[in-house]
Amino acid sequence: MELNPMTVTDLNLYVKEKFVADEFLNNVLVKGEISNYKKHYTGHLYFTLKDENSLIKCVMFKGYAEKLLFEPKEGSKVIVFGTVSVYERDGVYQIYTKAMQEDGVGDLYQQFQKLKQELEKQGYFDSSHKKQIPEMPKKIGVLTSKTGSVVRDIINVSTRRNPNVNLRIYPVPVQGEGAAEKIAKAIEYMNENKLADVLILARGGGSLEDLWPFNEKVVADAIYNSELPVISAVGHETDFTIADFVADLRAPTPSAAAELAVPNIRDIMDKLELCQKRLRDSLIKKVELMRLQYEKCMSSRVFKEPKRFIYDEYQKLDTFLKKMESSIKIKHKEEQTKYVELVAKLDALSPLKTLTRGYSITQFNGSVVKSSKDIKSGDVVDLRFVDGEKRANIL
């Protein structure tokens, strides 16, 4: 019997034709919760629509996406209208979405927002509580899954930046039941035993459900209470978890976390070489400046003829003293002349000078008599002459 097998492409096309032939699948109205949402740079939207038990992939091309009246996001509950068909290249079926409207917010997303608001009020996200990442850590703790590309990326980036880096990897489950508690215990263990200078908490991208352990309060508490600085690198750059907000530093990817934690040894060497060059140049300039100052000093008269310099300065001082002495004599003579002139003026104005010309001063009861009315007959007055005093009676 001759077999005529079909190709994979033929099979996928056959299945696709069955979907196309089914009128019900050409116009379906499905409600569910958005998960694993991605907006492509072309404008196309890619996401998964799920409920409690199942999920289905969806795509919404740019032409339809531009007509949306809201911005879809992770956890949104929506109702989509479109066609179910097979993408023959991958052999998967999906909803080619033509329209979408909001149908409330997903339960997980509501829990996320509620816990985020509670922790924000309690100060879990405050910048004042965040610790500085050490510039030159000796030991770096890595908390992530023991398998997968995340741990390999961190090891590759870290050893490339510094081959001598000491990585201490603590394997933890990064999704599923009980993962949050194990992550929290790992953080506590690393702190209690002082096994690192900084911790990296990492995992790859995923849906909101996959990342949920990093939205649990037990993990938030462990990060908040950690004495060791924590770098959170959970999911892709567009993914945000509670752990990201509580951590001391958020990295967009695990590889970026390794770059933030591990200093590039080449950059450090370059900086040291630059510092050495600047120091060397500074010393050379300093020595040259001192040499020039030395030569200038050696060419000075002070060094060549020290006694001559002292003699010159002595001559200057002697000349100055003589000038000062002459000035003092001149000033003294001028002041003496002024003194004699003032004494002569004072003597000329003195009442005693008048007595030498034959005049006398009459006093009665100690007062000078200026008028005949100041005395009467019988009064005894004192007469003062240039050479003495006499007493007289008034008739």
Protein backbone atom coordinates (compact mmCIF):
# COMPACT_ATOMS: atom_id res chain seq x y z
CA MET A 1 0.00 0.00 0.00
CA GLU A 2 1.49 3.34 -1.06
CA LEU A 3 1.47 6.07 1.58
CA ASN A 4 0.89 9.70 0.61
CA PRO A 5 1.77 11.75 3.73
CA MET A 6 0.92 15.43 3.74
CA THR A 7 3.31 18.14 4.88
CA VAL A 8 2.92 20.10 8.10
CA THR A 9 1.98 23.14 6.07
CA ASP A 10 -0.72 21.15 4.26
CA LEU A 11 -2.15 19.98 7.58
CA ASN A 12 -2.22 23.47 9.07
CA LEU A 13 -3.89 24.85 5.93
CA TYR A 14 -6.47 22.08 6.08
CA VAL A 15 -7.29 22.86 9.70
CA LYS A 16 -7.45 26.55 8.89
CA GLU A 17 -9.99 25.90 6.15
CA LYS A 18 -12.17 24.06 8.67
CA PHE A 19 -12.12 27.15 10.93
CA VAL A 20 -12.94 29.41 7.99
CA ALA A 21 -15.85 27.19 6.97
CA ASP A 22 -17.38 27.39 10.46
CA GLU A 23 -19.64 30.47 10.47
CA PHE A 24 -19.78 30.50 14.27
CA LEU A 25 -16.00 30.93 14.52
CA ASN A 26 -16.03 33.80 12.03
CA ASN A 27 -17.93 36.05 14.42
CA VAL A 28 -17.29 35.25 18.07
CA LEU A 29 -17.87 37.37 21.16
CA VAL A 30 -15.62 36.27 24.05
CA LYS A 31 -15.04 37.77 27.48
CA GLY A 32 -12.02 37.20 29.66
CA GLU A 33 -9.02 38.78 31.39
CA ILE A 34 -6.04 40.19 29.51
CA SER A 35 -2.71 38.58 30.33
CA ASN A 36 0.78 38.73 28.85
CA TYR A 37 -0.12 41.97 27.06
CA LYS A 38 2.37 43.36 24.53
CA LYS A 39 2.08 46.37 22.24
CA HIS A 40 4.37 45.97 19.25
CA TYR A 41 6.23 48.96 17.80
CA THR A 42 4.19 48.46 14.60
CA GLY A 43 1.01 49.21 16.55
CA HIS A 44 -0.25 45.61 16.65
CA LEU A 45 -1.50 44.25 19.99
CA TYR A 46 -0.64 40.76 21.21
CA PHE A 47 -2.20 39.31 24.36
CA THR A 48 -3.77 36.27 25.97
CA LEU A 49 -7.43 36.12 26.95
CA LYS A 50 -8.10 33.86 29.94
CA ASP A 51 -10.63 32.78 32.54
CA GLU A 52 -10.33 30.50 35.58
CA ASN A 53 -9.66 27.36 33.54
CA SER A 54 -8.43 28.22 30.04
CA LEU A 55 -6.69 30.75 27.85
CA ILE A 56 -6.44 31.63 24.17
CA LYS A 57 -4.01 33.80 22.24
CA CYS A 58 -5.27 36.95 20.56
CA VAL A 59 -3.93 39.48 18.08
CA MET A 60 -5.35 42.88 17.15
CA PHE A 61 -3.83 44.55 14.14
CA LYS A 62 -2.99 48.26 14.07
CA GLY A 63 -5.98 49.30 11.96
CA TYR A 64 -8.41 47.94 14.56
CA ALA A 65 -6.28 48.93 17.58
CA GLU A 66 -6.33 52.61 16.56
CA LYS A 67 -10.14 52.62 16.92
CA LEU A 68 -10.07 51.56 20.60
CA LEU A 69 -11.63 54.01 23.06
CA PHE A 70 -9.42 52.84 25.96
CA GLU A 71 -5.87 51.62 26.57
CA PRO A 72 -5.77 47.86 27.26
CA LYS A 73 -3.46 46.74 30.06
CA GLU A 74 -2.46 43.71 32.07
CA GLY A 75 -5.35 42.36 34.14
CA SER A 76 -8.12 44.22 32.32
CA LYS A 77 -11.40 42.37 31.92
CA VAL A 78 -12.63 42.81 28.37
CA ILE A 79 -15.08 41.56 25.78
CA VAL A 80 -13.55 40.94 22.36
CA PHE A 81 -15.19 40.47 18.97
CA GLY A 82 -13.36 38.76 16.15
CA THR A 83 -12.61 35.64 14.14
CA VAL A 84 -11.04 32.41 15.35
CA SER A 85 -8.53 31.07 12.86
CA VAL A 86 -5.26 29.15 12.60
CA TYR A 87 -1.88 30.80 12.25
CA GLU A 88 -0.48 28.19 9.94
CA ARG A 89 3.19 28.97 10.52
CA ASP A 90 3.01 28.00 14.20
CA GLY A 91 0.05 25.68 14.00
CA VAL A 92 -1.85 27.53 16.72
CA TYR A 93 -5.29 29.00 16.67
CA GLN A 94 -6.08 32.45 18.01
CA ILE A 95 -8.68 35.18 17.98
CA TYR A 96 -8.08 37.80 15.33
CA THR A 97 -9.69 40.66 17.29
CA LYS A 98 -11.62 43.34 15.44
CA ALA A 99 -13.17 45.17 18.39
CA MET A 100 -12.79 45.26 22.16
CA GLN A 101 -14.52 46.91 25.09
CA GLU A 102 -13.85 47.01 28.82
CA ASP A 103 -15.65 44.58 31.10
CA GLY A 104 -14.23 45.56 34.52
CA VAL A 105 -10.77 44.92 35.98
CA GLY A 106 -9.29 41.48 36.62
CA ASP A 107 -9.26 40.09 40.16
CA LEU A 108 -5.48 39.76 40.32
CA TYR A 109 -4.99 43.29 39.07
CA GLN A 110 -7.41 44.57 41.72
CA GLN A 111 -5.44 42.73 44.41
CA PHE A 112 -2.23 44.23 43.05
CA GLN A 113 -3.60 47.78 43.18
CA LYS A 114 -5.07 47.29 46.66
CA LEU A 115 -1.80 46.00 48.15
CA LYS A 116 0.20 48.69 46.34
CA GLN A 117 -1.96 51.43 47.84
CA GLU A 118 -1.76 49.91 51.34
CA LEU A 119 2.03 49.58 51.28
CA GLU A 120 2.46 53.07 49.84
CA LYS A 121 0.48 54.51 52.77
CA GLN A 122 2.68 52.55 55.21
CA GLY A 123 5.85 54.07 53.70
CA TYR A 124 7.19 50.90 52.05
CA PHE A 125 8.08 52.86 48.88
CA ASP A 126 9.57 55.97 50.55
CA SER A 127 12.94 57.00 49.13
CA SER A 128 14.14 57.86 52.66
CA HIS A 129 14.02 54.15 53.53
CA LYS A 130 15.97 52.98 50.49
CA LYS A 131 19.62 51.99 50.98
CA GLN A 132 22.52 52.90 48.74
CA ILE A 133 23.93 50.17 46.51
CA PRO A 134 27.64 49.71 47.43
CA GLU A 135 30.03 50.94 44.75
CA MET A 136 32.47 48.04 45.17
CA PRO A 137 30.60 45.02 46.57
CA LYS A 138 32.75 41.98 47.34
CA LYS A 139 29.87 39.47 47.51
CA ILE A 140 26.68 39.56 45.45
CA GLY A 141 23.73 37.37 46.36
CA VAL A 142 21.48 36.20 43.51
CA LEU A 143 17.99 34.90 44.29
CA THR A 144 16.42 33.31 41.22
CA SER A 145 15.51 30.01 39.61
CA LYS A 146 18.42 27.57 39.41
CA THR A 147 17.58 26.88 35.74
CA GLY A 148 16.80 29.14 32.81
CA SER A 149 18.45 32.05 31.05
CA VAL A 150 18.17 34.49 33.96
CA VAL A 151 20.88 32.98 36.13
CA ARG A 152 23.11 32.44 33.06
CA ASP A 153 22.68 36.08 31.99
CA ILE A 154 23.58 37.37 35.45
CA ILE A 155 26.67 35.13 35.63
CA ASN A 156 27.80 36.09 32.11
CA VAL A 157 27.36 39.84 32.62
CA SER A 158 28.90 39.82 36.10
CA THR A 159 32.02 37.84 35.18
CA ARG A 160 32.48 39.88 32.00
CA ARG A 161 32.45 43.13 34.00
CA ASN A 162 34.61 41.74 36.80
CA PRO A 163 36.12 38.22 36.53
CA ASN A 164 36.90 38.28 40.25
CA VAL A 165 33.32 38.92 41.37
CA ASN A 166 32.02 36.58 44.08
CA LEU A 167 28.47 35.45 43.18
CA ARG A 168 26.44 33.56 45.76
CA ILE A 169 23.42 32.03 44.05
CA TYR A 170 20.48 30.98 46.20
CA PRO A 171 17.98 29.00 44.05
CA VAL A 172 14.32 29.84 44.72
CA PRO A 173 11.09 29.08 42.86
CA VAL A 174 9.95 32.18 41.01
CA GLN A 175 6.34 31.20 40.33
CA GLY A 176 3.68 28.90 41.61
CA GLU A 177 2.20 28.09 45.00
CA GLY A 178 4.53 28.66 47.95
CA ALA A 179 7.10 30.57 45.88
CA ALA A 180 6.53 33.85 47.74
CA GLU A 181 7.24 32.30 51.15
CA LYS A 182 10.45 30.65 49.89
CA ILE A 183 11.64 33.90 48.33
CA ALA A 184 11.03 35.73 51.62
CA LYS A 185 12.90 33.05 53.61
CA ALA A 186 15.84 33.25 51.19
CA ILE A 187 16.10 37.02 51.72
CA GLU A 188 15.98 36.54 55.50
CA TYR A 189 18.61 33.77 55.34
CA MET A 190 21.02 35.90 53.32
CA ASN A 191 20.60 38.72 55.87
CA GLU A 192 20.96 36.57 58.97
CA ASN A 193 24.20 34.99 57.73
CA LYS A 194 25.61 38.13 56.10
CA LEU A 195 26.25 36.22 52.88
CA ALA A 196 26.33 39.22 50.55
CA ASP A 197 26.86 42.96 50.29
CA VAL A 198 23.91 43.36 47.93
CA LEU A 199 21.08 41.09 46.76
CA ILE A 200 19.64 40.66 43.25
CA LEU A 201 16.08 39.33 43.14
CA ALA A 202 15.43 38.25 39.54
CA ARG A 203 13.25 36.32 37.13
CA GLY A 204 12.30 36.53 33.46
CA GLY A 205 9.12 37.96 31.97
CA GLY A 206 5.70 36.45 32.17
CA SER A 207 2.03 37.08 32.72
CA LEU A 208 0.61 38.71 35.82
CA GLU A 209 -0.06 35.24 37.24
CA ASP A 210 3.53 34.14 36.61
CA LEU A 211 4.92 37.18 38.38
CA TRP A 212 2.43 37.02 41.24
CA PRO A 213 4.82 35.74 43.97
CA PHE A 214 6.62 39.10 43.69
CA ASN A 215 3.30 40.84 44.43
CA GLU A 216 2.82 39.05 47.76
CA LYS A 217 3.08 41.02 51.02
CA VAL A 218 5.41 38.42 52.57
CA VAL A 219 8.02 39.25 49.89
CA ALA A 220 7.42 42.98 50.31
CA ASP A 221 8.01 42.64 54.08
CA ALA A 222 11.22 40.67 53.54
CA ILE A 223 12.62 43.29 51.14
CA TYR A 224 11.54 46.20 53.37
CA ASN A 225 13.15 44.64 56.48
CA SER A 226 16.33 43.56 54.67
CA GLU A 227 19.50 45.14 56.02
CA LEU A 228 21.20 44.25 52.75
CA PRO A 229 20.37 46.49 49.75
CA VAL A 230 18.05 44.75 47.27
CA ILE A 231 17.96 45.19 43.49
CA SER A 232 14.72 43.97 41.93
CA ALA A 233 14.89 42.65 38.36
CA VAL A 234 11.55 40.94 37.84
CA GLY A 235 10.07 40.48 34.36
CA HIS A 236 10.68 42.72 31.38
CA GLU A 237 11.15 46.47 31.32
CA THR A 238 7.40 47.08 31.04
CA ASP A 239 6.54 44.73 33.94
CA PHE A 240 6.14 46.23 37.40
CA THR A 241 5.65 44.29 40.64
CA ILE A 242 5.31 45.21 44.30
CA ALA A 243 8.90 43.99 44.78
CA ASP A 244 10.07 46.64 42.29
CA PHE A 245 8.50 49.45 44.31
CA VAL A 246 9.81 48.23 47.69
CA ALA A 247 13.35 47.38 46.51
CA ASP A 248 16.19 49.83 46.97
CA LEU A 249 16.75 49.85 43.21
CA ARG A 250 14.78 48.51 40.23
CA ALA A 251 16.51 47.13 37.14
CA PRO A 252 14.55 46.73 33.89
CA THR A 253 16.06 43.26 33.26
CA PRO A 254 18.21 40.72 35.14
CA SER A 255 21.18 41.58 32.91
CA ALA A 256 20.76 45.25 33.78
CA ALA A 257 20.69 44.29 37.49
CA ALA A 258 24.08 42.62 37.10
CA GLU A 259 25.44 45.77 35.44
CA LEU A 260 24.12 47.92 38.29
CA ALA A 261 25.52 45.63 41.00
CA VAL A 262 28.92 44.76 39.50
CA PRO A 263 31.27 47.64 38.67
CA ASN A 264 33.12 47.34 35.37
CA ILE A 265 36.71 46.57 36.33
CA ARG A 266 37.91 48.11 33.07
CA ASP A 267 36.24 51.43 33.93
CA ILE A 268 37.85 51.35 37.36
CA MET A 269 41.28 50.63 35.87
CA ASP A 270 40.82 53.48 33.39
CA LYS A 271 39.86 55.81 36.23
CA LEU A 272 42.90 54.76 38.27
CA GLU A 273 45.18 55.29 35.27
CA LEU A 274 43.65 58.75 34.74
CA CYS A 275 44.19 59.62 38.42
CA GLN A 276 47.79 58.40 38.23
CA LYS A 277 48.41 60.50 35.12
CA ARG A 278 46.92 63.60 36.74
CA LEU A 279 49.01 63.03 39.87
CA ARG A 280 52.16 62.52 37.81
CA ASP A 281 51.51 65.66 35.75
CA SER A 282 50.81 67.64 38.92
CA LEU A 283 54.08 66.50 40.51
CA ILE A 284 56.03 67.38 37.36
CA LYS A 285 54.53 70.88 37.32
CA LYS A 286 55.22 71.30 41.03
CA VAL A 287 58.88 70.27 40.63
CA GLU A 288 59.30 72.60 37.65
CA LEU A 289 57.77 75.50 39.60
CA MET A 290 60.08 74.85 42.56
CA ARG A 291 63.10 74.67 40.21
CA LEU A 292 62.24 78.06 38.70
CA GLN A 293 61.80 79.57 42.16
CA TYR A 294 65.16 78.13 43.23
CA GLU A 295 66.93 79.58 40.18
CA LYS A 296 65.32 82.94 40.80
CA CYS A 297 66.46 82.92 44.41
CA MET A 298 70.01 81.90 43.50
CA SER A 299 70.26 84.79 41.04
CA SER A 300 69.10 87.30 43.66
CA ARG A 301 71.58 89.73 45.38
CA VAL A 302 70.42 88.36 48.72
CA PHE A 303 72.15 85.09 47.94
CA LYS A 304 75.05 86.47 45.92
CA GLU A 305 76.02 89.37 48.24
CA PRO A 306 74.21 88.89 51.55
CA LYS A 307 76.45 91.48 53.43
CA ARG A 308 75.99 94.03 50.68
CA PHE A 309 72.24 93.66 50.96
CA ILE A 310 72.39 94.20 54.74
CA TYR A 311 74.64 97.28 54.33
CA ASP A 312 72.25 98.82 51.79
CA GLU A 313 69.33 98.28 54.09
CA TYR A 314 71.32 99.79 57.00
CA GLN A 315 72.07 102.89 54.92
CA LYS A 316 68.38 103.27 54.11
CA LEU A 317 67.51 102.99 57.80
CA ASP A 318 70.17 105.56 58.82
CA THR A 319 68.94 108.02 56.20
CA PHE A 320 65.41 107.57 57.43
CA LEU A 321 66.40 108.17 61.07
CA LYS A 322 68.27 111.37 60.18
CA LYS A 323 65.29 112.68 58.25
CA MET A 324 63.02 111.88 61.14
CA GLU A 325 65.35 113.60 63.66
CA SER A 326 65.55 116.74 61.48
CA SER A 327 61.76 116.80 61.14
CA ILE A 328 61.37 116.55 64.92
CA LYS A 329 63.76 119.51 65.51
CA ILE A 330 62.01 121.68 62.96
CA LYS A 331 58.64 120.84 64.42
CA HIS A 332 59.87 121.56 67.97
CA LYS A 333 61.22 124.98 66.94
CA GLU A 334 57.95 125.86 65.22
CA GLU A 335 55.93 124.90 68.29
CA GLN A 336 58.30 126.84 70.60
CA THR A 337 57.85 130.00 68.54
CA LYS A 338 54.08 129.62 68.68
CA TYR A 339 54.30 129.22 72.45
CA VAL A 340 56.28 132.44 72.93
CA GLU A 341 53.80 134.37 70.77
CA LEU A 342 50.85 133.06 72.76
CA VAL A 343 52.53 133.92 76.11
CA ALA A 344 53.16 137.47 74.89
CA LYS A 345 49.53 137.86 73.84
CA LEU A 346 48.36 136.49 77.19
CA ASP A 347 50.66 138.83 79.11
CA ALA A 348 49.41 141.83 77.17
CA LEU A 349 45.84 141.01 78.09
CA SER A 350 46.62 140.38 81.81
CA PRO A 351 45.10 142.87 84.36
CA LEU A 352 48.39 142.80 86.28
CA LYS A 353 50.11 144.39 83.28
CA THR A 354 47.85 147.42 83.72
CA LEU A 355 49.03 147.88 87.33
CA THR A 356 52.61 148.50 86.14
CA ARG A 357 51.40 151.68 84.45
CA GLY A 358 50.24 153.26 87.80
CA TYR A 359 46.77 151.91 88.04
CA SER A 360 45.26 150.05 91.05
CA ILE A 361 42.37 147.67 91.62
CA THR A 362 39.74 148.52 94.28
CA GLN A 363 37.96 145.62 96.01
CA PHE A 364 35.16 145.64 98.55
CA ASN A 365 34.26 142.46 100.39
CA GLY A 366 36.33 140.45 97.87
CA SER A 367 34.61 141.97 94.79
CA VAL A 368 36.08 144.45 92.31
CA VAL A 369 34.51 147.89 92.58
CA LYS A 370 33.49 149.01 89.12
CA SER A 371 31.36 152.06 90.08
CA SER A 372 31.28 154.69 92.85
CA LYS A 373 27.80 153.53 93.54
CA ASP A 374 29.15 150.14 94.71
CA ILE A 375 30.59 151.79 97.94
CA LYS A 376 29.58 154.51 100.42
CA SER A 377 31.17 156.59 103.15
CA GLY A 378 32.56 154.56 106.00
CA ASP A 379 33.25 151.44 103.90
CA VAL A 380 36.68 149.88 104.15
CA VAL A 381 38.15 148.89 100.78
CA ASP A 382 41.28 147.06 99.66
CA LEU A 383 43.58 148.70 97.12
CA ARG A 384 45.86 146.47 95.07
CA PHE A 385 49.02 147.95 93.54
CA VAL A 386 51.70 146.39 91.42
CA ASP A 387 53.95 145.95 94.44
CA GLY A 388 51.39 145.16 97.17
CA GLU A 389 48.05 145.95 98.82
CA LYS A 390 46.69 148.72 101.15
CA ARG A 391 43.43 149.24 103.05
CA ALA A 392 41.55 152.57 102.98
CA ASN A 393 38.43 154.15 104.52
CA ILE A 394 35.91 155.90 102.27
CA LEU A 395 35.01 159.43 103.48
